[in-house]
Protein backbone atom coordinates (compact mmCIF):
# COMPACT_ATOMS: atom_id res chain seq x y z
CA MET A 1 -13.34 -12.08 -17.35
CA ARG A 2 -15.97 -14.02 -19.27
CA ILE A 3 -16.44 -17.38 -17.57
CA GLY A 4 -18.55 -20.24 -18.88
CA ILE A 5 -19.84 -22.64 -16.24
CA LEU A 6 -21.00 -26.09 -17.30
CA GLY A 7 -23.70 -26.96 -14.81
CA ALA A 8 -25.57 -24.74 -12.37
CA GLY A 9 -25.91 -27.09 -9.43
CA MET A 10 -24.39 -26.85 -5.99
CA ILE A 11 -20.77 -26.20 -6.99
CA GLY A 12 -21.37 -24.38 -10.27
CA GLY A 13 -24.13 -22.19 -8.88
CA THR A 14 -22.21 -21.32 -5.72
CA VAL A 15 -18.92 -20.46 -7.42
CA GLY A 16 -20.76 -18.62 -10.18
CA ARG A 17 -22.49 -16.42 -7.64
CA LEU A 18 -19.14 -15.58 -6.04
CA TRP A 19 -17.59 -14.69 -9.39
CA VAL A 20 -20.50 -12.46 -10.34
CA GLY A 21 -20.01 -10.72 -7.00
CA ALA A 22 -16.36 -10.20 -7.92
CA GLY A 23 -17.34 -8.49 -11.16
CA HIS A 24 -16.90 -11.32 -13.64
CA SER A 25 -19.33 -12.10 -16.46
CA VAL A 26 -20.74 -15.61 -16.01
CA ALA A 27 -22.62 -17.70 -18.58
CA PHE A 28 -24.13 -20.96 -17.36
CA GLY A 29 -24.31 -23.73 -19.92
CA VAL A 30 -27.22 -26.02 -19.09
CA ARG A 31 -29.80 -28.23 -20.79
CA HIS A 32 -32.77 -26.19 -19.55
CA PRO A 33 -31.77 -22.50 -19.23
CA GLU A 34 -35.34 -21.43 -18.50
CA ARG A 35 -35.15 -23.17 -15.13
CA LEU A 36 -32.47 -20.73 -13.95
CA ARG A 37 -34.50 -17.52 -14.16
CA LYS A 38 -35.07 -17.28 -10.43
CA MET A 39 -31.44 -17.99 -9.59
CA LEU A 40 -30.14 -15.46 -12.09
CA GLY A 41 -32.52 -12.86 -10.72
CA GLU A 42 -31.04 -13.39 -7.27
CA PHE A 43 -27.50 -13.01 -8.59
CA GLY A 44 -27.87 -9.61 -10.16
CA GLY A 45 -24.80 -8.49 -12.03
CA SER A 46 -23.73 -10.10 -15.27
CA ALA A 47 -25.01 -13.67 -15.35
CA THR A 48 -26.83 -15.47 -18.15
CA ALA A 49 -27.90 -19.01 -18.98
CA GLY A 50 -28.05 -20.76 -22.32
CA PRO A 51 -26.98 -23.89 -24.18
CA VAL A 52 -23.76 -25.60 -23.12
CA LEU A 53 -22.00 -24.85 -26.39
CA ASP A 54 -22.82 -21.13 -26.17
CA ALA A 55 -21.31 -20.91 -22.69
CA VAL A 56 -18.06 -22.40 -23.95
CA THR A 57 -17.86 -20.45 -27.19
CA GLY A 58 -18.10 -17.03 -25.57
CA ALA A 59 -15.82 -17.75 -22.60
CA ASP A 60 -12.26 -16.83 -21.73
CA ALA A 61 -12.22 -19.69 -19.22
CA VAL A 62 -14.61 -22.56 -18.48
CA LEU A 63 -15.52 -24.24 -15.19
CA ALA A 64 -16.79 -27.82 -15.46
CA ALA A 65 -19.18 -28.59 -12.60
CA ILE A 66 -21.12 -31.46 -14.15
CA PRO A 67 -21.78 -35.00 -12.92
CA PHE A 68 -18.61 -36.97 -13.60
CA ARG A 69 -20.47 -39.55 -15.65
CA ALA A 70 -21.45 -36.80 -18.12
CA TRP A 71 -17.87 -36.12 -19.20
CA PRO A 72 -17.71 -38.32 -22.32
CA ASP A 73 -20.88 -36.84 -23.82
CA VAL A 74 -20.15 -33.24 -22.78
CA ALA A 75 -16.56 -33.42 -24.01
CA ALA A 76 -17.69 -34.66 -27.41
CA GLU A 77 -20.09 -31.71 -27.63
CA ILE A 78 -17.70 -28.96 -26.57
CA GLU A 79 -14.21 -30.12 -27.57
CA ALA A 80 -14.02 -28.13 -30.82
CA ALA A 81 -15.32 -24.91 -29.23
CA LEU A 82 -13.20 -25.41 -26.12
CA GLY A 83 -9.94 -25.69 -28.02
CA ASP A 84 -7.03 -24.61 -25.84
CA LYS A 85 -9.03 -22.48 -23.41
CA VAL A 86 -8.44 -22.67 -19.67
CA LEU A 87 -10.64 -25.46 -18.28
CA LEU A 88 -11.23 -25.57 -14.53
CA ASP A 89 -12.24 -29.12 -13.64
CA ALA A 90 -14.26 -29.38 -10.43
CA THR A 91 -15.85 -32.73 -11.22
CA VAL A 92 -15.63 -35.56 -8.68
CA PRO A 93 -16.67 -39.19 -9.24
CA ASP A 94 -19.49 -40.17 -6.90
CA PRO A 95 -20.18 -43.91 -6.78
CA PRO A 96 -22.54 -45.41 -7.60
CA ARG A 97 -24.02 -42.37 -9.40
CA ASP A 98 -21.24 -42.12 -11.96
CA GLY A 99 -21.11 -45.76 -12.98
CA ALA A 100 -18.17 -47.52 -14.57
CA PHE A 101 -16.54 -44.31 -15.84
CA GLY A 102 -16.43 -42.88 -12.33
CA ASP A 103 -15.27 -46.13 -10.77
CA ALA A 104 -12.43 -46.40 -13.28
CA ALA A 105 -11.33 -42.84 -12.56
CA LEU A 106 -11.24 -43.43 -8.81
CA ALA A 107 -9.23 -46.61 -9.34
CA ARG A 108 -6.47 -44.83 -11.27
CA GLU A 109 -3.18 -44.60 -9.39
CA ASP A 110 -2.27 -41.45 -11.35
CA GLY A 111 -5.40 -39.58 -10.27
CA VAL A 112 -8.91 -38.68 -11.32
CA ALA A 113 -7.83 -35.69 -13.42
CA LEU A 114 -5.98 -37.88 -15.89
CA ALA A 115 -9.21 -39.69 -16.71
CA VAL A 116 -10.54 -36.40 -18.10
CA THR A 117 -7.58 -35.06 -20.08
CA PRO A 118 -7.86 -37.54 -22.98
CA LEU A 119 -11.42 -36.30 -23.58
CA VAL A 120 -10.35 -32.65 -23.97
CA PRO A 121 -6.76 -32.98 -25.23
CA ARG A 122 -6.22 -29.36 -26.29
CA ALA A 123 -7.71 -27.72 -23.22
CA ARG A 124 -5.40 -26.24 -20.59
CA LEU A 125 -6.96 -28.18 -17.77
CA VAL A 126 -6.55 -27.26 -14.11
CA ARG A 127 -7.99 -29.41 -11.35
CA VAL A 128 -9.66 -27.10 -8.79
CA PHE A 129 -12.75 -26.67 -6.58
CA SER A 130 -12.86 -30.46 -6.26
CA THR A 131 -12.13 -30.77 -2.53
CA VAL A 132 -14.58 -28.53 -0.67
CA MET A 133 -18.31 -28.98 -0.07
CA TRP A 134 -20.56 -26.38 -1.65
CA THR A 135 -21.93 -25.44 1.75
CA THR A 136 -18.42 -24.51 2.87
CA LEU A 137 -17.86 -22.51 -0.31
CA ARG A 138 -21.09 -20.63 0.29
CA SER A 139 -20.56 -19.90 3.97
CA GLN A 140 -16.80 -19.37 4.17
CA ALA A 141 -15.98 -17.25 1.11
CA HIS A 142 -14.00 -14.13 2.02
CA CYS A 143 -13.89 -15.23 5.66
CA ALA A 144 -11.81 -13.27 8.16
CA GLY A 145 -8.42 -14.68 9.09
CA ASP A 146 -7.00 -17.65 7.21
CA ARG A 147 -9.22 -18.38 4.23
CA ILE A 148 -10.33 -21.83 3.13
CA GLY A 149 -7.59 -23.43 1.05
CA ILE A 150 -8.44 -24.53 -2.48
CA PRO A 151 -5.73 -26.80 -3.92
CA LEU A 152 -5.20 -26.70 -7.67
CA ALA A 153 -2.92 -28.41 -10.14
CA GLY A 154 -2.22 -28.01 -13.84
CA ASP A 155 0.48 -28.33 -16.46
CA ASP A 156 0.11 -24.92 -18.13
CA ALA A 157 1.62 -22.07 -16.10
CA GLY A 158 -0.68 -19.46 -17.59
CA ALA A 159 -3.78 -21.54 -16.90
CA VAL A 160 -2.65 -22.17 -13.33
CA ALA A 161 -2.09 -18.44 -12.78
CA THR A 162 -5.53 -17.61 -14.19
CA THR A 163 -7.15 -20.27 -12.02
CA ALA A 164 -5.36 -19.10 -8.89
CA ARG A 165 -6.60 -15.57 -9.53
CA LEU A 166 -10.18 -16.80 -9.95
CA VAL A 167 -9.94 -18.80 -6.71
CA GLY A 168 -8.84 -15.63 -4.95
CA ASP A 169 -11.63 -13.62 -6.56
CA ALA A 170 -14.14 -16.15 -5.21
CA GLY A 171 -12.86 -15.52 -1.70
CA PHE A 172 -10.49 -18.42 -1.05
CA ASP A 173 -6.77 -19.12 -0.70
CA PRO A 174 -5.36 -20.78 -3.85
CA VAL A 175 -2.82 -23.50 -3.09
CA VAL A 176 -0.81 -24.52 -6.16
CA ALA A 177 0.14 -28.18 -5.78
CA GLY A 178 2.17 -28.45 -8.99
CA PRO A 179 1.56 -30.17 -12.33
CA LEU A 180 -1.64 -32.04 -13.06
CA SER A 181 -0.12 -35.31 -11.90
CA GLN A 182 -0.09 -33.84 -8.38
CA ALA A 183 -3.87 -33.48 -8.35
CA ARG A 184 -4.03 -37.06 -7.12
CA ARG A 185 -2.77 -35.73 -3.78
CA PHE A 186 -6.12 -34.06 -3.17
CA ASP A 187 -8.39 -36.67 -4.75
CA PRO A 188 -11.19 -38.38 -2.76
CA GLY A 189 -9.75 -40.40 0.09
CA THR A 190 -6.83 -38.06 0.81
CA ALA A 191 -6.38 -36.00 3.96
CA VAL A 192 -7.14 -32.76 2.13
CA PHE A 193 -10.35 -33.88 0.46
CA ASP A 194 -13.53 -32.56 2.12
CA SER A 195 -11.51 -31.37 5.11
CA GLY A 196 -12.42 -27.69 5.26
CA MET A 197 -8.75 -26.88 5.84
CA SER A 198 -7.45 -23.33 5.67
CA GLY A 199 -4.82 -22.40 3.11
CA PRO A 200 -1.92 -22.81 5.56
CA GLN A 201 -3.30 -26.17 6.67
CA VAL A 202 -3.59 -27.39 3.07
CA ARG A 203 -0.01 -26.31 2.38
CA ALA A 204 1.19 -28.17 5.45
CA ALA A 205 -0.75 -31.30 4.49
CA LEU A 206 0.70 -31.24 0.96
CA GLY A 207 4.20 -30.30 2.09
CA ILE A 208 4.18 -26.99 0.24
CA ALA A 209 6.31 -24.22 1.68
């Protein structure tokens, strides 16, 4: 699969490396692609870096791993090219870094994800990779025994299935929590967030059989 990744920081770079290892083609969309030469050389496989819009245009699915405060500007730039593609949203508000936009998202009773959907209304958005530290992703991928659980939620069944497959390809246990409204159950401040739980533990915490 051709995957565009917006951002090449701790989450984007780590998950991108795992997907390249699984045989996927990854294109990082960043402001300064030339700064990623060393990282791409370490990846091997099929990984490139270029402008944000190029990463979206050529992708079958897109992972957003940008600072939360960047959403309004990035969404305005990519919305037309993104269309109804699968959009994996791993962004997490981090106060005070993300300012008023991040604070407002965290204050929503219906969840952080629903602060993003109005910005990309046609995208088939799935909330995922938003609960686990990048260090855990790096060290625990494909671990023996029960794998780290990655909860995900989305309204489009096809997008959820694609996302679950990509979570598995990265070396983790996908835990489907339901429609996007259920993503609030693994937002910051919940028992699941930043817990390092295994898949069975996440299912138990969320009451999923």
